[in-house]
Each structure stands twice: as C-alpha cells, then as structure tokens.
Amino acid sequence: MNTQTAHPPFGMKDKIGYACGDLANNLTFVIVALFMMKFYTDIMGVSAALMGLLMMAAKVVDAFTDVIMGQIVDRSRYTPKGKFAPWVRRFAGPVVISCVLIFAPYFSDQPMWFKIFWMFFTYLLWGSVCYTGANIPYGSMAAAISQEPADRQQLSTWRNIGMVLGQVIVAVILPLIVYQTDADGRKILNGEYTMIAAIVCGVLAWLAYLGTYYFCTERLVLETKQENRKNLPELFKIIFTNRAFIGIMTASLLLLVIQLTLTGLANYIYPNYFNNTTMLAFSAFIGSVIILFLSAFTDKLVAIFGKKELAVIATTIGAVALFLIYFLHTNNVVVYVILYAISYTGLGVFYLVSWAMMTDVIDDIEIKSEVRSDASVYSVYSFARKLGQAVSSGLIGLFLALAGYNQTTAFDQDVVNKIYDYASLYPALGFVLMGEVLLFVYPLSKGAVRENVIYLAKKR
C-alpha cells in the first residue's frame, strides 16, 4: 500500500539529488574496478591469479549481502527523512574510508601473507558491507520519491548522468595523474598518487551522498502487503523457473563479464602494450560520451525494433568490432580505440534497454505465477549481476596469469601480446554467447511484450 504525505512537489532538486547518489557510487566503484587489480599486481606484487580468485570470492559474498541488506532496509522504520535516505547517510563515511584503505602503498614492504589479508579484508569491507549498505537503499529510493512513471523515468535519466560524471572523473582524469614515466620511458602506476586519488574521490563521494540525503524527498510510504511476501526459497523457485528471467539474467551476467573484463584489462593494454595512458583516459571518455549519446534516441529505436531485437543487433555489432581487434592485432592505438568505441556501442545499447527489459520480465512472472514482487525480483537480479562481477574478477586474474604477467614481465612483448589477445577474443565470444541467449532463450520479443501488456491491462 502507498500512502502520501504533504511534501514539496517533485522537481529539479530531487533529480540533482538522485544523480548525486550514482555519482558517489561510481567515484568509489570505478576506482576499485579500474585500479585495484593493477595496484596489487604492480605495486604490492600479489599474484594476478590469486587476486582474481580472492576478488571473485568476495563478489560472491557481496551477492548475498545485497539480499540481506535489502531485507534489513525493508524492515527498518520510517524517519522524518523517510526509510531509505538515512541509510545512505549512515554508510557514506564508511564507504569512503574502506575504499581509501584498499590503496595502501605503505604496506608494500610487508610480508606477502599480510598484503593478501589486507587486500581481501578491505575489499570485503568496502564492497560487501559499506558499498552495499549505501547502494541498496539508494537504488530502492526512487520508488518512494514519486509514484508518477514520468518522474521515475527522469530519476533514471539523472541517475545515468551521475554515473557518467563519476566515470569521467575516475576513468578519464585519473589515468593522466596516477601513471608516471620511469627511466626507461615506460608508463607505470604510482602507488602514492593512487592513494591520494582515492582520498580525493572519497571526499567527493561523501559530499555527493550527502547531496542525495538532503536534496531527495521521500514522498511515499511503501508497505508490502502480507499476502505478497514470499520467503527466499519460494521466491527463488518462482523466479528461476521463468524462462524470461533466466534469459535476461544470463545475458546481463555476460554483459558484466564483457564490460568489466574490457575495463580491467584496459589498464594493462594501454600502459603495457601501447605504452600510452593518455588513450586509456580518452577511451574511457569516449565510452561515457557513447552512453550519453545513445540515451538520447534509444527509446525511439526500441519503438521501431523492440528491446530484444535491438539488443541482438547490438551484440552483433560488439562481437564484430572485437573480432576485428583480435585478427588485426594492431599496434596503432587510434585504430584500437575506434574499434573499441564501436564495441562499446553494442554494450551501451544493451545496458540502456536491460533495466526496461526487467520490467517486461516482472510482468511475465506475474502472468505465469500470479505473483507481483518488483523489489524482490530486482534484488535477485542484482544478486545475479554480482555473480557476473565475480566471474569477471576471476577471468581477469586468470588471463593475466596465463599470459605470465608479474612485476618482472610486465612489459615483455610475448606477455603483452597474450593480454591483447585475451582482451579481444574472449569478450568477442562473450558477445556471441550473449546474442545467442537473447535470441533463443529470452522469449519476450516486441510482439510478446505487447501481448503481455494487453493481458495485464484487461486483468486490472
């Protein structure tokens, strides 16, 4: 049941506040995703294979803490600021502190067991506890800010704006700062600069979280009807026997594996293969521009083709571009960035339609099982996405280990050539697999979605 109290009308203040939330999230998430593996392999001397395994294990834990945090937030009491915003403020400081602790170059002379312990402990603390504690209530807040579909769509748009801004700050600006040129003219990561960058990003993230707390107004009191509540085994049975959910979950898991593998290995491709960190920053900037550009007309393309059909086209584009990168094996960084941008267009299109596809899946689950539980389905979907992050962490470590990468071999030609191959061939194969899943497993074509909408409209 939704009840509404007297509050100022929805407006620009809410949109800016909600953008601040994903800006804050990405200021810590992207710096960890982009630089943590590089920091611990190059500065701390930890094995890439071990790094991948430990990060994968931590992400599996993270998947479960997401569900637990969702249960905690759902059962928390309302305050004058609402139910969700207080949790964002509570975890704002811990997110920042735990992120900064990950990048501790002053421990580089410590025994290896301690460095491994410190990496795993701080990564769990940041990702599975603190980041989850802020992100889950933030993501749930939109439904309480307004019940109008148009307002919620605006919140989604502004959330993407915050995401892109955070990615620009970290992925575009920081590579120009945290890398330095050594005596041999090679681009190497500076541990102290990375720690300082984490502190600056952390302070900005803390301020952005406070912006969400103070600018967003929760106008609705959201109560789940008792008869719609399901325990986790019942919910999992309903969801995981739905073909549409299995399809979108698998495709989204592959999306994250492709995206994070490309992002993680980029920190080894540009500095070690191309010896060019400027283009590392530029490629990240291009990726952000592509997302903003696509967001302007993706809705129109969906109206013409349908979400599933458009996603299949996008995966084909991404696969072709990455196969070209692999077979060309170019030494020209400009050619590489152009083809990378084309492949990222494929990622961007699916990213922009995937959340809307989840709404179609929830409708399909309701039709087939008579259960409507939006938040619970989204939490399980988030659980599956975290598993995708876990797989990508393991793959990055595995690829670096198979290439023979360590502090000594970081610039060996044979090693960097193998990394180049892994960074193009396997994401290309991932695109192919994702397209097959969407084409043959995911059943909700444009026509099927229209039939479901008509059926539910009549039912209601």
Protein backbone atom coordinates (compact mmCIF):
# COMPACT_ATOMS: atom_id res chain seq x y z
CA MET A 1 0.00 0.00 0.00
CA ASN A 2 1.22 3.52 -0.83
CA THR A 3 0.33 6.50 1.30
CA GLN A 4 1.42 10.02 0.51
CA THR A 5 2.10 12.86 2.95
CA ALA A 6 2.45 16.60 2.40
CA HIS A 7 5.80 17.37 0.77
CA PRO A 8 7.14 19.83 -1.80
CA PRO A 9 6.31 18.72 -5.35
CA PHE A 10 8.78 16.62 -7.30
CA GLY A 11 11.31 18.78 -9.09
CA MET A 12 14.88 19.55 -10.08
CA LYS A 13 16.15 19.27 -6.51
CA ASP A 14 15.13 15.60 -6.43
CA LYS A 15 16.73 14.90 -9.80
CA ILE A 16 20.04 16.51 -8.82
CA GLY A 17 19.97 14.68 -5.50
CA TYR A 18 19.36 11.34 -7.16
CA ALA A 19 22.15 11.98 -9.68
CA CYS A 20 24.45 12.66 -6.72
CA GLY A 21 23.83 9.14 -5.44
CA ASP A 22 25.19 7.35 -8.51
CA LEU A 23 27.96 9.92 -8.82
CA ALA A 24 29.00 8.91 -5.29
CA ASN A 25 28.66 5.20 -6.07
CA ASN A 26 30.85 5.42 -9.16
CA LEU A 27 33.54 7.55 -7.53
CA THR A 28 34.48 4.55 -5.40
CA PHE A 29 33.21 1.66 -7.56
CA VAL A 30 35.11 2.71 -10.71
CA ILE A 31 38.40 3.46 -8.95
CA VAL A 32 38.28 -0.01 -7.37
CA ALA A 33 37.24 -1.72 -10.63
CA LEU A 34 39.83 0.14 -12.69
CA PHE A 35 42.88 0.32 -10.44
CA MET A 36 42.71 -2.29 -7.66
CA MET A 37 43.99 -5.24 -9.69
CA LYS A 38 46.72 -3.09 -11.24
CA PHE A 39 47.68 -1.69 -7.81
CA TYR A 40 48.08 -5.07 -6.17
CA THR A 41 49.89 -6.77 -9.07
CA ASP A 42 52.27 -3.90 -9.85
CA ILE A 43 52.75 -2.13 -6.50
CA MET A 44 52.16 -4.88 -3.94
CA GLY A 45 53.48 -7.79 -6.01
CA VAL A 46 50.48 -10.08 -5.44
CA SER A 47 49.89 -12.87 -7.96
CA ALA A 48 47.26 -11.96 -10.57
CA ALA A 49 45.71 -15.43 -10.34
CA LEU A 50 45.36 -15.18 -6.57
CA MET A 51 43.97 -11.66 -6.88
CA GLY A 52 41.33 -12.89 -9.29
CA LEU A 53 40.29 -15.77 -7.05
CA LEU A 54 40.03 -13.62 -3.93
CA MET A 55 38.11 -10.86 -5.70
CA MET A 56 35.78 -13.46 -7.18
CA ALA A 57 35.15 -14.96 -3.73
CA ALA A 58 34.46 -11.50 -2.30
CA LYS A 59 31.92 -10.76 -5.04
CA VAL A 60 30.09 -14.00 -4.28
CA VAL A 61 29.83 -12.86 -0.65
CA ASP A 62 28.71 -9.46 -1.93
CA ALA A 63 25.85 -11.06 -3.87
CA PHE A 64 24.43 -12.49 -0.64
CA THR A 65 24.92 -9.32 1.42
CA ASP A 66 22.88 -7.41 -1.19
CA VAL A 67 19.88 -9.61 -0.44
CA ILE A 68 20.48 -9.34 3.32
CA MET A 69 20.75 -5.54 3.15
CA GLY A 70 17.52 -5.40 1.18
CA GLN A 71 15.77 -7.31 3.95
CA ILE A 72 17.24 -5.00 6.60
CA VAL A 73 16.13 -1.86 4.77
CA ASP A 74 12.64 -3.25 4.10
CA ARG A 75 12.17 -3.89 7.82
CA SER A 76 13.57 -0.56 9.02
CA ARG A 77 11.33 2.15 10.43
CA TYR A 78 10.43 5.41 8.77
CA THR A 79 12.06 8.63 9.98
CA PRO A 80 11.22 12.24 9.16
CA LYS A 81 13.62 11.82 6.19
CA GLY A 82 11.99 8.59 5.10
CA LYS A 83 13.16 4.98 5.16
CA PHE A 84 15.96 4.92 2.58
CA ALA A 85 17.86 8.23 2.78
CA PRO A 86 19.03 7.71 6.40
CA TRP A 87 20.81 4.51 5.35
CA VAL A 88 22.63 6.39 2.59
CA ARG A 89 23.90 8.93 5.11
CA ARG A 90 24.90 6.25 7.65
CA PHE A 91 27.11 4.43 5.18
CA ALA A 92 28.52 7.48 3.33
CA GLY A 93 31.55 7.78 5.62
CA PRO A 94 32.30 4.04 5.88
CA VAL A 95 32.21 3.67 2.06
CA VAL A 96 34.86 6.38 1.72
CA ILE A 97 37.14 5.11 4.49
CA SER A 98 37.02 1.48 3.35
CA CYS A 99 37.76 2.49 -0.26
CA VAL A 100 40.83 4.50 0.75
CA LEU A 101 42.11 1.62 2.92
CA ILE A 102 42.26 -0.63 -0.15
CA PHE A 103 45.02 1.51 -1.66
CA ALA A 104 47.74 1.40 0.99
CA PRO A 105 51.18 1.58 -0.70
CA TYR A 106 52.95 1.88 2.67
CA PHE A 107 52.27 -1.85 3.15
CA SER A 108 54.25 -2.84 0.04
CA ASP A 109 57.23 -4.00 2.17
CA GLN A 110 55.10 -6.14 4.47
CA PRO A 111 55.08 -9.98 4.25
CA MET A 112 53.01 -11.38 1.40
CA TRP A 113 50.50 -13.03 3.75
CA PHE A 114 49.72 -9.64 5.29
CA LYS A 115 49.29 -7.92 1.91
CA ILE A 116 46.91 -10.67 0.80
CA PHE A 117 44.98 -10.43 4.06
CA TRP A 118 44.79 -6.65 3.81
CA MET A 119 43.57 -6.77 0.22
CA PHE A 120 40.84 -9.32 0.97
CA PHE A 121 39.75 -7.70 4.23
CA THR A 122 39.48 -4.16 2.85
CA TYR A 123 37.80 -5.34 -0.37
CA LEU A 124 35.17 -7.24 1.60
CA LEU A 125 34.70 -4.32 3.99
CA TRP A 126 34.22 -1.87 1.13
CA GLY A 127 32.16 -3.95 -1.29
CA SER A 128 30.18 -6.43 0.80
CA VAL A 129 29.40 -4.18 3.75
CA CYS A 130 29.82 -0.45 3.18
CA TYR A 131 29.08 -0.04 -0.54
CA THR A 132 26.15 -2.44 -0.26
CA GLY A 133 24.88 -0.52 2.77
CA ALA A 134 24.67 2.69 0.75
CA ASN A 135 23.77 1.35 -2.70
CA ILE A 136 20.80 -0.89 -1.88
CA PRO A 137 18.75 1.83 -0.13
CA TYR A 138 19.81 4.34 -2.78
CA GLY A 139 18.56 2.11 -5.57
CA SER A 140 15.30 1.47 -3.70
CA MET A 141 14.67 5.15 -3.03
CA ALA A 142 13.32 6.07 -6.46
CA ALA A 143 10.01 4.32 -5.85
CA ALA A 144 9.49 6.43 -2.70
CA ILE A 145 10.36 9.78 -4.29
CA SER A 146 7.43 9.75 -6.70
CA GLN A 147 4.75 7.37 -7.92
CA GLU A 148 4.46 9.05 -11.34
CA PRO A 149 6.04 7.00 -14.16
CA ALA A 150 7.34 10.13 -15.88
CA ASP A 151 9.07 11.27 -12.68
CA ARG A 152 10.66 7.88 -12.20
CA GLN A 153 11.92 7.90 -15.78
CA GLN A 154 13.52 11.28 -15.10
CA LEU A 155 15.17 9.88 -12.00
CA SER A 156 16.56 7.04 -14.10
CA THR A 157 17.91 9.51 -16.64
CA TRP A 158 19.54 11.66 -13.98
CA ARG A 159 20.97 8.57 -12.32
CA ASN A 160 22.73 7.81 -15.62
CA ILE A 161 24.03 11.38 -15.69
CA GLY A 162 25.52 10.90 -12.22
CA MET A 163 27.02 7.58 -13.29
CA VAL A 164 28.68 9.09 -16.37
CA LEU A 165 30.05 12.04 -14.36
CA GLY A 166 31.60 9.65 -11.82
CA GLN A 167 33.13 7.56 -14.58
CA VAL A 168 34.57 10.66 -16.27
CA ILE A 169 36.22 11.83 -13.04
CA VAL A 170 37.81 8.45 -12.32
CA ALA A 171 38.36 6.75 -15.67
CA VAL A 172 39.19 9.84 -17.74
CA ILE A 173 41.06 12.13 -15.37
CA LEU A 174 42.87 9.75 -13.01
CA PRO A 175 44.90 7.81 -15.63
CA LEU A 176 46.52 11.12 -16.53
CA ILE A 177 47.55 11.58 -12.89
CA VAL A 178 48.32 8.21 -11.29
CA TYR A 179 50.69 6.97 -14.00
CA GLN A 180 54.24 8.25 -14.36
CA THR A 181 57.07 7.56 -16.82
CA ASP A 182 60.06 5.61 -15.46
CA ALA A 183 63.71 5.91 -16.52
CA ASP A 184 63.11 3.52 -19.43
CA GLY A 185 60.20 5.58 -20.77
CA ARG A 186 57.57 3.08 -19.62
CA LYS A 187 54.22 4.05 -18.08
CA ILE A 188 53.95 2.69 -14.53
CA LEU A 189 51.37 3.12 -11.78
CA ASN A 190 52.41 5.32 -8.84
CA GLY A 191 51.11 3.87 -5.56
CA GLU A 192 51.14 7.10 -3.57
CA TYR A 193 49.36 9.01 -6.32
CA THR A 194 46.72 6.27 -6.45
CA MET A 195 46.14 6.53 -2.70
CA ILE A 196 45.81 10.32 -2.90
CA ALA A 197 43.38 9.93 -5.81
CA ALA A 198 41.31 7.51 -3.72
CA ILE A 199 41.18 10.06 -0.87
CA VAL A 200 40.05 12.86 -3.21
CA CYS A 201 37.43 10.66 -4.87
CA GLY A 202 36.31 9.51 -1.42
CA VAL A 203 35.75 13.05 -0.16
CA LEU A 204 33.79 13.90 -3.31
CA ALA A 205 31.73 10.72 -2.88
CA TRP A 206 30.92 11.62 0.74
CA LEU A 207 29.71 15.08 -0.33
CA ALA A 208 27.65 13.54 -3.14
CA TYR A 209 25.97 11.06 -0.77
CA LEU A 210 25.05 13.98 1.47
CA GLY A 211 23.58 15.68 -1.59
CA THR A 212 21.31 12.66 -2.05
CA TYR A 213 20.30 12.74 1.60
CA TYR A 214 19.46 16.44 1.70
CA PHE A 215 18.08 17.01 -1.81
CA CYS A 216 15.86 13.94 -2.30
CA THR A 217 12.42 13.83 -0.68
CA GLU A 218 10.68 10.53 0.02
CA ARG A 219 7.03 11.35 -0.57
CA LEU A 220 5.59 7.85 -0.39
CA VAL A 221 5.35 5.35 2.45
CA LEU A 222 5.79 1.95 0.81
CA GLU A 223 4.22 -1.03 2.52
CA THR A 224 4.34 -4.58 1.17
CA LYS A 225 1.10 -6.50 1.52
CA GLN A 226 1.48 -9.52 3.75
CA GLU A 227 -0.03 -11.88 1.17
CA ASN A 228 2.62 -10.86 -1.39
CA ARG A 229 5.55 -11.67 0.85
CA LYS A 230 7.50 -14.80 -0.01
CA ASN A 231 10.37 -16.46 1.75
CA LEU A 232 13.55 -16.76 -0.27
CA PRO A 233 13.15 -20.44 -1.32
CA GLU A 234 9.62 -19.76 -2.64
CA LEU A 235 10.76 -16.61 -4.41
CA PHE A 236 13.77 -18.32 -5.99
CA LYS A 237 11.58 -21.18 -7.23
CA ILE A 238 9.15 -18.78 -8.90
CA ILE A 239 11.84 -16.64 -10.48
CA PHE A 240 14.26 -19.33 -11.62
CA THR A 241 11.55 -21.34 -13.37
CA ASN A 242 10.68 -18.34 -15.54
CA ARG A 243 12.36 -18.54 -18.94
CA ALA A 244 12.36 -14.76 -19.45
CA PHE A 245 14.16 -14.19 -16.14
CA ILE A 246 16.73 -16.87 -16.89
CA GLY A 247 17.36 -15.25 -20.28
CA ILE A 248 17.79 -11.68 -19.03
CA MET A 249 19.82 -12.83 -16.02
CA THR A 250 22.23 -14.81 -18.19
CA ALA A 251 22.53 -12.04 -20.78
CA SER A 252 23.16 -9.42 -18.08
CA LEU A 253 25.72 -11.64 -16.38
CA LEU A 254 27.55 -11.91 -19.72
CA LEU A 255 27.25 -8.15 -20.19
CA LEU A 256 29.06 -7.54 -16.92
CA VAL A 257 31.70 -10.14 -17.68
CA ILE A 258 32.40 -8.47 -21.05
CA GLN A 259 32.32 -4.91 -19.71
CA LEU A 260 34.44 -5.48 -16.61
CA THR A 261 36.93 -7.69 -18.42
CA LEU A 262 37.44 -4.99 -21.05
CA THR A 263 37.75 -2.33 -18.34
CA GLY A 264 40.07 -4.38 -16.13
CA LEU A 265 42.43 -5.43 -18.91
CA ALA A 266 42.49 -1.90 -20.36
CA ASN A 267 44.83 -0.99 -17.52
CA TYR A 268 47.30 -3.50 -18.95
CA ILE A 269 46.62 -2.92 -22.65
CA TYR A 270 47.21 0.83 -22.82
CA PRO A 271 50.17 1.25 -20.41
CA ASN A 272 51.92 -2.07 -21.13
CA TYR A 273 51.07 -2.90 -24.76
CA PHE A 274 50.69 0.60 -26.23
CA ASN A 275 52.72 2.47 -23.55
CA ASN A 276 50.05 5.16 -23.75
CA THR A 277 47.95 6.17 -20.75
CA THR A 278 46.52 9.24 -22.47
CA MET A 279 44.50 6.98 -24.75
CA LEU A 280 43.39 4.96 -21.72
CA ALA A 281 41.76 8.14 -20.44
CA PHE A 282 40.44 9.05 -23.88
CA SER A 283 38.84 5.64 -24.43
CA ALA A 284 37.03 5.97 -21.09
CA PHE A 285 35.82 9.42 -22.13
CA ILE A 286 34.56 8.04 -25.45
CA GLY A 287 32.68 5.30 -23.59
CA SER A 288 30.93 7.89 -21.42
CA VAL A 289 30.03 10.03 -24.43
CA ILE A 290 28.61 6.97 -26.21
CA ILE A 291 26.28 6.19 -23.27
CA LEU A 292 25.01 9.79 -23.17
CA PHE A 293 24.59 9.88 -26.96
CA LEU A 294 22.72 6.58 -27.09
CA SER A 295 20.41 7.57 -24.24
CA ALA A 296 19.04 10.38 -26.41
CA PHE A 297 17.44 8.10 -29.00
CA THR A 298 17.44 4.52 -27.69
CA ASP A 299 13.74 4.84 -26.81
CA LYS A 300 12.94 5.64 -30.45
CA LEU A 301 14.91 2.62 -31.67
CA VAL A 302 13.11 0.42 -29.15
CA ALA A 303 9.77 1.64 -30.50
CA ILE A 304 10.84 0.62 -34.00
CA PHE A 305 12.63 -2.68 -33.38
CA GLY A 306 11.70 -3.82 -29.87
CA LYS A 307 14.03 -4.26 -26.90
CA LYS A 308 15.05 -7.87 -27.54
CA GLU A 309 15.56 -7.31 -31.25
CA LEU A 310 17.63 -4.15 -30.68
CA ALA A 311 19.77 -5.93 -28.09
CA VAL A 312 20.55 -8.77 -30.53
CA ILE A 313 21.66 -6.22 -33.14
CA ALA A 314 23.84 -4.52 -30.53
CA THR A 315 25.58 -7.76 -29.53
CA THR A 316 26.37 -8.45 -33.19
CA ILE A 317 27.99 -5.03 -33.56
CA GLY A 318 30.04 -5.56 -30.39
CA ALA A 319 31.22 -9.01 -31.47
CA VAL A 320 32.29 -7.90 -34.96
CA ALA A 321 34.32 -4.96 -33.59
CA LEU A 322 36.18 -7.11 -31.06
CA PHE A 323 36.88 -9.87 -33.59
CA LEU A 324 38.41 -7.19 -35.84
CA ILE A 325 40.61 -6.04 -32.96
CA TYR A 326 41.74 -9.62 -32.40
CA PHE A 327 42.52 -10.51 -36.03
CA LEU A 328 44.15 -7.16 -36.85
CA HIS A 329 46.33 -7.29 -33.71
CA THR A 330 47.05 -3.64 -34.36
CA ASN A 331 49.92 -1.59 -32.94
CA ASN A 332 48.04 1.58 -33.81
CA VAL A 333 46.34 2.81 -30.66
CA VAL A 334 43.93 5.04 -32.64
CA VAL A 335 42.62 2.06 -34.62
CA TYR A 336 42.24 0.14 -31.37
CA VAL A 337 40.25 2.95 -29.71
CA ILE A 338 37.95 3.34 -32.73
CA LEU A 339 37.10 -0.36 -32.79
CA TYR A 340 36.79 -0.38 -29.00
CA ALA A 341 34.30 2.50 -29.24
CA ILE A 342 32.24 0.54 -31.77
CA SER A 343 32.19 -2.50 -29.47
CA TYR A 344 31.23 -0.27 -26.54
CA THR A 345 28.26 0.95 -28.57
CA GLY A 346 26.99 -2.63 -28.51
CA LEU A 347 27.45 -2.74 -24.75
CA GLY A 348 25.81 0.65 -24.31
CA VAL A 349 22.65 -0.22 -26.21
CA PHE A 350 22.04 -3.38 -24.19
CA TYR A 351 22.90 -1.55 -20.95
CA LEU A 352 20.27 1.10 -21.68
CA VAL A 353 17.49 -1.39 -22.51
CA SER A 354 18.30 -4.09 -19.94
CA TRP A 355 16.57 -2.41 -16.99
CA ALA A 356 13.43 -1.84 -19.08
CA MET A 357 13.60 -5.50 -20.13
CA MET A 358 13.49 -6.40 -16.45
CA THR A 359 10.12 -4.64 -16.18
CA ASP A 360 8.87 -6.86 -19.01
CA VAL A 361 10.21 -9.89 -17.14
CA ILE A 362 8.36 -8.89 -13.95
CA ASP A 363 5.14 -8.62 -15.97
CA ASP A 364 5.80 -12.08 -17.43
CA ILE A 365 6.40 -13.55 -13.97
CA GLU A 366 3.10 -12.07 -12.77
CA ILE A 367 1.21 -13.57 -15.71
CA LYS A 368 2.71 -17.03 -15.29
CA SER A 369 2.79 -17.29 -11.47
CA GLU A 370 0.22 -14.72 -10.23
CA VAL A 371 2.97 -13.12 -8.10
CA ARG A 372 3.90 -9.43 -8.40
CA SER A 373 7.01 -8.56 -6.39
CA ASP A 374 9.05 -5.90 -8.15
CA ALA A 375 11.61 -5.20 -5.42
CA SER A 376 12.27 -8.86 -4.68
CA VAL A 377 12.82 -9.71 -8.34
CA TYR A 378 15.19 -6.77 -8.70
CA SER A 379 17.16 -7.89 -5.63
CA VAL A 380 17.59 -11.38 -7.07
CA TYR A 381 18.56 -9.81 -10.41
CA SER A 382 21.17 -7.74 -8.55
CA PHE A 383 22.36 -10.96 -6.91
CA ALA A 384 22.90 -12.49 -10.35
CA ARG A 385 24.73 -9.37 -11.59
CA LYS A 386 27.12 -9.60 -8.65
CA LEU A 387 27.90 -13.14 -9.72
CA GLY A 388 28.81 -11.68 -13.12
CA GLN A 389 31.19 -9.29 -11.40
CA ALA A 390 32.69 -12.25 -9.55
CA VAL A 391 33.26 -14.18 -12.78
CA SER A 392 34.91 -11.16 -14.43
CA SER A 393 37.29 -10.71 -11.48
CA GLY A 394 38.32 -14.34 -11.73
CA LEU A 395 38.77 -14.12 -15.51
CA ILE A 396 40.99 -11.04 -15.34
CA GLY A 397 43.28 -12.76 -12.84
CA LEU A 398 43.25 -15.96 -14.90
CA PHE A 399 44.10 -14.17 -18.16
CA LEU A 400 46.98 -12.29 -16.56
CA ALA A 401 48.30 -15.50 -15.00
CA LEU A 402 48.04 -17.40 -18.31
CA ALA A 403 49.92 -14.57 -20.03
CA GLY A 404 52.67 -14.86 -17.40
CA TYR A 405 52.19 -11.32 -16.10
CA ASN A 406 54.00 -10.17 -12.95
CA GLN A 407 56.15 -7.22 -11.82
CA THR A 408 59.16 -8.56 -13.74
CA THR A 409 57.44 -9.49 -17.02
CA ALA A 410 55.04 -6.52 -17.14
CA PHE A 411 56.49 -5.18 -20.41
CA ASP A 412 57.68 -8.40 -22.09
CA GLN A 413 56.43 -8.46 -25.66
CA ASP A 414 55.17 -12.04 -25.53
CA VAL A 415 53.26 -11.35 -22.32
CA VAL A 416 51.54 -8.16 -23.51
CA ASN A 417 50.67 -9.79 -26.85
CA LYS A 418 48.84 -12.55 -24.99
CA ILE A 419 46.99 -9.99 -22.87
CA TYR A 420 45.95 -8.21 -26.07
CA ASP A 421 44.54 -11.46 -27.45
CA TYR A 422 42.67 -12.30 -24.24
CA ALA A 423 41.24 -8.76 -24.03
CA SER A 424 39.71 -9.01 -27.51
CA LEU A 425 38.94 -12.64 -28.34
CA TYR A 426 37.13 -13.72 -25.18
CA PRO A 427 34.91 -10.63 -24.85
CA ALA A 428 34.03 -11.14 -28.55
CA LEU A 429 33.00 -14.71 -27.81
CA GLY A 430 31.03 -13.36 -24.84
CA PHE A 431 29.10 -11.08 -27.19
CA VAL A 432 28.31 -14.05 -29.43
CA LEU A 433 27.05 -16.07 -26.48
CA MET A 434 25.00 -13.15 -25.19
CA GLY A 435 23.36 -12.77 -28.59
CA GLU A 436 22.53 -16.48 -28.68
CA VAL A 437 20.93 -16.28 -25.22
CA LEU A 438 18.81 -13.28 -26.20
CA LEU A 439 17.81 -14.85 -29.49
CA PHE A 440 16.99 -18.39 -28.35
CA VAL A 441 16.40 -18.28 -24.57
CA TYR A 442 14.87 -14.88 -23.83
CA PRO A 443 11.28 -15.17 -25.16
CA LEU A 444 9.95 -11.60 -24.86
CA SER A 445 10.02 -10.25 -28.38
CA LYS A 446 8.32 -6.98 -29.28
CA GLY A 447 5.08 -8.84 -30.05
CA ALA A 448 5.20 -10.93 -26.87
CA VAL A 449 5.70 -7.83 -24.72
CA ARG A 450 2.72 -6.15 -26.39
CA GLU A 451 0.52 -9.21 -25.70
CA ASN A 452 1.57 -9.24 -22.03
CA VAL A 453 0.79 -5.54 -21.63
CA ILE A 454 -2.67 -6.01 -23.17
CA TYR A 455 -3.38 -9.03 -20.96
CA LEU A 456 -2.39 -7.23 -17.75
CA ALA A 457 -4.36 -4.12 -18.74
CA LYS A 458 -7.51 -6.24 -19.14
CA LYS A 459 -6.81 -8.09 -15.90
CA ARG A 460 -6.56 -4.86 -13.93
